[in-house]
Amino acid sequence: MIFLIVTLCELINFTLIMKTLYIVRHAKSSWNYQGIKDIDRPLKKRGINDAYLLSKTLSKKIERPSVFISSSANRALHTAMIFCESFKFPLANLQIKKSLYNFSDGYLIKTIKALDDGFDSAMIFSHDHGINDFVNQYGNKEILHVPTCGIIGIKFNTKHWKNIKPNKNKTFLFDYPKNYK
């Protein structure tokens, strides 16, 4: 009888274990500056406004993620800083990954699979390249294009980030600034 209760409790706990991922495409960036490297391009005023709009709206709708991770590119990092402010996430804890700026396939997946299992949720700020492929491969809703400052939420039924698998997850959020204008 005790064995049955313990086994049932383990089964219930197993089905409730979830990892939640939010992927944010950086806000609208500027092309107006001559002679700067792509990695250094700043946000446009519209991008800054959109990041504040979406982050403030979302901070009232979703629980604050356990960890925030950003590409090292200026536009992604600035977007992440705005989200940190709205979610009251300590800026000193924002993780910066140069690999998220690399436009080779696989860096987004490698970053996610390397997350510490102590984090039940994560928010990652990255770039157009890789985001669309990832959300369509790992989520259960087709998304043709993630606009600037767009955010996608995916739930994974796993204890370990390294065990996430394609097509076994639930896309529960797809939001972007134009939904509020």
Protein backbone atom coordinates (compact mmCIF):
# COMPACT_ATOMS: atom_id res chain seq x y z
CA MET A 1 0.00 0.00 0.00
CA ILE A 2 2.79 2.44 0.93
CA PHE A 3 4.68 1.47 -2.26
CA LEU A 4 1.58 2.24 -4.34
CA ILE A 5 1.16 5.67 -2.70
CA VAL A 6 4.85 6.54 -3.23
CA THR A 7 4.72 5.38 -6.86
CA LEU A 8 1.54 7.37 -7.48
CA CYS A 9 3.10 10.48 -5.90
CA GLU A 10 6.20 10.07 -8.06
CA LEU A 11 4.03 9.75 -11.17
CA ILE A 12 2.06 12.89 -10.29
CA ASN A 13 5.26 14.85 -9.61
CA PHE A 14 6.80 13.62 -12.87
CA THR A 15 3.88 14.83 -14.96
CA LEU A 16 3.95 18.24 -13.27
CA ILE A 17 7.63 18.88 -13.98
CA MET A 18 7.91 21.52 -16.63
CA LYS A 19 10.58 23.78 -18.02
CA THR A 20 9.35 27.02 -19.53
CA LEU A 21 11.27 28.89 -22.19
CA TYR A 22 10.66 32.40 -23.48
CA ILE A 23 12.56 33.43 -26.59
CA VAL A 24 12.63 37.12 -27.42
CA ARG A 25 13.79 38.50 -30.74
CA HIS A 26 15.61 41.78 -30.12
CA ALA A 27 13.62 44.99 -30.68
CA LYS A 28 13.88 47.10 -33.84
CA SER A 29 17.45 48.22 -34.45
CA SER A 30 18.89 51.13 -36.36
CA TRP A 31 20.82 51.00 -39.62
CA ASN A 32 21.53 54.75 -39.53
CA TYR A 33 25.07 54.63 -38.21
CA GLN A 34 27.89 54.43 -40.73
CA GLY A 35 31.09 52.62 -39.89
CA ILE A 36 29.92 50.56 -36.91
CA LYS A 37 30.01 46.79 -36.78
CA ASP A 38 26.76 44.84 -36.94
CA ILE A 39 27.21 43.65 -33.35
CA ASP A 40 27.25 47.30 -32.19
CA ARG A 41 24.03 48.45 -33.91
CA PRO A 42 21.74 50.17 -31.36
CA LEU A 43 17.99 50.07 -30.98
CA LYS A 44 15.86 52.64 -32.76
CA LYS A 45 13.55 54.80 -30.67
CA ARG A 46 10.66 52.60 -31.87
CA GLY A 47 12.56 49.52 -30.69
CA ILE A 48 13.09 51.00 -27.24
CA ASN A 49 9.41 51.94 -26.99
CA ASP A 50 8.31 48.49 -28.21
CA ALA A 51 10.58 46.73 -25.69
CA TYR A 52 9.11 48.78 -22.83
CA LEU A 53 5.55 48.20 -24.08
CA LEU A 54 5.88 44.44 -24.41
CA SER A 55 7.99 43.87 -21.30
CA LYS A 56 5.67 45.89 -19.06
CA THR A 57 2.62 44.11 -20.48
CA LEU A 58 4.17 40.65 -20.08
CA SER A 59 5.49 41.32 -16.59
CA LYS A 60 1.86 41.58 -15.49
CA LYS A 61 0.82 38.38 -17.31
CA ILE A 62 3.60 35.87 -16.69
CA GLU A 63 5.75 34.87 -13.75
CA ARG A 64 9.27 36.26 -13.80
CA PRO A 65 11.65 33.75 -15.42
CA SER A 66 14.43 32.26 -13.30
CA VAL A 67 17.21 33.40 -15.63
CA PHE A 68 17.66 35.99 -18.38
CA ILE A 69 20.28 35.32 -21.08
CA SER A 70 21.21 37.66 -23.93
CA SER A 71 23.28 37.69 -27.07
CA SER A 72 26.25 40.02 -26.75
CA ALA A 73 24.98 42.22 -29.60
CA ASN A 74 24.06 45.74 -28.47
CA ARG A 75 20.48 45.54 -29.77
CA ALA A 76 19.75 42.23 -28.00
CA LEU A 77 21.49 43.32 -24.82
CA HIS A 78 19.55 46.63 -24.70
CA THR A 79 16.28 44.74 -25.23
CA ALA A 80 17.22 42.34 -22.40
CA MET A 81 18.06 45.23 -20.07
CA ILE A 82 14.64 46.78 -20.64
CA PHE A 83 12.94 43.43 -19.91
CA CYS A 84 15.07 43.03 -16.77
CA GLU A 85 13.86 46.43 -15.56
CA SER A 86 10.19 45.62 -16.21
CA PHE A 87 10.44 42.19 -14.58
CA LYS A 88 12.52 43.54 -11.68
CA PHE A 89 15.25 41.05 -12.52
CA PRO A 90 18.66 42.11 -11.18
CA LEU A 91 20.76 43.40 -14.06
CA ALA A 92 23.86 41.99 -12.38
CA ASN A 93 22.37 38.50 -12.92
CA LEU A 94 21.77 38.95 -16.65
CA GLN A 95 23.90 36.38 -18.46
CA ILE A 96 25.57 37.39 -21.73
CA LYS A 97 26.48 34.71 -24.28
CA LYS A 98 28.62 35.61 -27.27
CA SER A 99 27.56 32.35 -28.89
CA LEU A 100 23.97 33.65 -29.27
CA TYR A 101 25.29 36.28 -31.69
CA ASN A 102 26.93 33.61 -33.87
CA PHE A 103 24.59 33.01 -36.77
CA SER A 104 25.58 29.38 -37.28
CA ASP A 105 22.85 26.84 -36.73
CA GLY A 106 22.66 25.16 -33.36
CA TYR A 107 23.88 27.84 -30.93
CA LEU A 108 20.40 28.61 -29.64
CA ILE A 109 19.69 24.92 -29.05
CA LYS A 110 23.09 24.41 -27.41
CA THR A 111 22.47 27.36 -25.09
CA ILE A 112 19.05 26.03 -24.07
CA LYS A 113 20.23 22.45 -23.55
CA ALA A 114 23.11 23.74 -21.39
CA LEU A 115 20.79 25.60 -18.99
CA ASP A 116 21.14 24.73 -15.31
CA ASP A 117 18.31 22.41 -14.27
CA GLY A 118 17.83 24.57 -11.18
CA PHE A 119 16.17 27.10 -13.51
CA ASP A 120 12.57 26.12 -14.18
CA SER A 121 12.16 28.96 -16.64
CA ALA A 122 14.42 31.05 -18.86
CA MET A 123 14.15 34.08 -21.10
CA ILE A 124 16.62 34.24 -23.98
CA PHE A 125 17.22 37.31 -26.14
CA SER A 126 18.54 36.53 -29.59
CA HIS A 127 18.25 37.21 -33.31
CA ASP A 128 16.00 36.39 -36.24
CA HIS A 129 18.33 33.70 -37.52
CA GLY A 130 17.66 30.57 -35.54
CA ILE A 131 14.54 31.70 -33.65
CA ASN A 132 12.02 30.79 -36.37
CA ASP A 133 13.66 27.42 -36.97
CA PHE A 134 13.78 26.64 -33.26
CA VAL A 135 10.17 27.55 -32.43
CA ASN A 136 8.83 25.61 -35.41
CA GLN A 137 10.96 22.58 -34.62
CA TYR A 138 10.40 22.53 -30.84
CA GLY A 139 6.96 24.12 -30.49
CA ASN A 140 3.60 22.79 -31.64
CA LYS A 141 2.36 25.86 -33.54
CA GLU A 142 3.71 26.98 -36.88
CA ILE A 143 5.01 30.53 -36.73
CA LEU A 144 5.99 31.92 -40.11
CA HIS A 145 7.84 34.97 -38.85
CA VAL A 146 8.82 36.28 -35.42
CA PRO A 147 8.77 40.09 -35.66
CA THR A 148 11.20 42.34 -33.82
CA CYS A 149 10.53 42.25 -30.08
CA GLY A 150 8.36 39.19 -30.63
CA ILE A 151 8.26 36.63 -27.83
CA ILE A 152 7.44 32.94 -27.95
CA GLY A 153 6.72 30.78 -24.89
CA ILE A 154 7.23 27.02 -25.01
CA LYS A 155 6.64 24.50 -22.21
CA PHE A 156 8.73 21.34 -22.07
CA ASN A 157 7.60 18.31 -20.05
CA THR A 158 11.05 17.42 -18.73
CA LYS A 159 13.21 17.67 -15.62
CA HIS A 160 16.36 18.40 -17.58
CA TRP A 161 16.94 21.08 -20.20
CA LYS A 162 19.40 18.80 -22.01
CA ASN A 163 16.55 16.36 -22.70
CA ILE A 164 14.28 18.71 -24.67
CA LYS A 165 13.08 17.08 -27.87
CA PRO A 166 11.52 18.47 -31.03
CA ASN A 167 7.74 18.27 -31.55
CA LYS A 168 6.95 17.17 -27.98
CA ASN A 169 6.24 20.58 -26.47
CA LYS A 170 3.51 23.18 -26.15
CA THR A 171 3.75 26.66 -27.65
CA PHE A 172 1.58 28.68 -25.29
CA LEU A 173 2.60 32.24 -26.10
CA PHE A 174 3.28 34.24 -29.24
CA ASP A 175 3.13 37.97 -28.69
CA TYR A 176 4.59 41.11 -30.25
CA PRO A 177 4.22 44.90 -29.98
CA LYS A 178 1.78 45.37 -32.88
CA ASN A 179 -0.82 43.44 -30.86
CA TYR A 180 -1.02 46.51 -28.58
CA LYS A 181 -1.02 49.32 -31.13
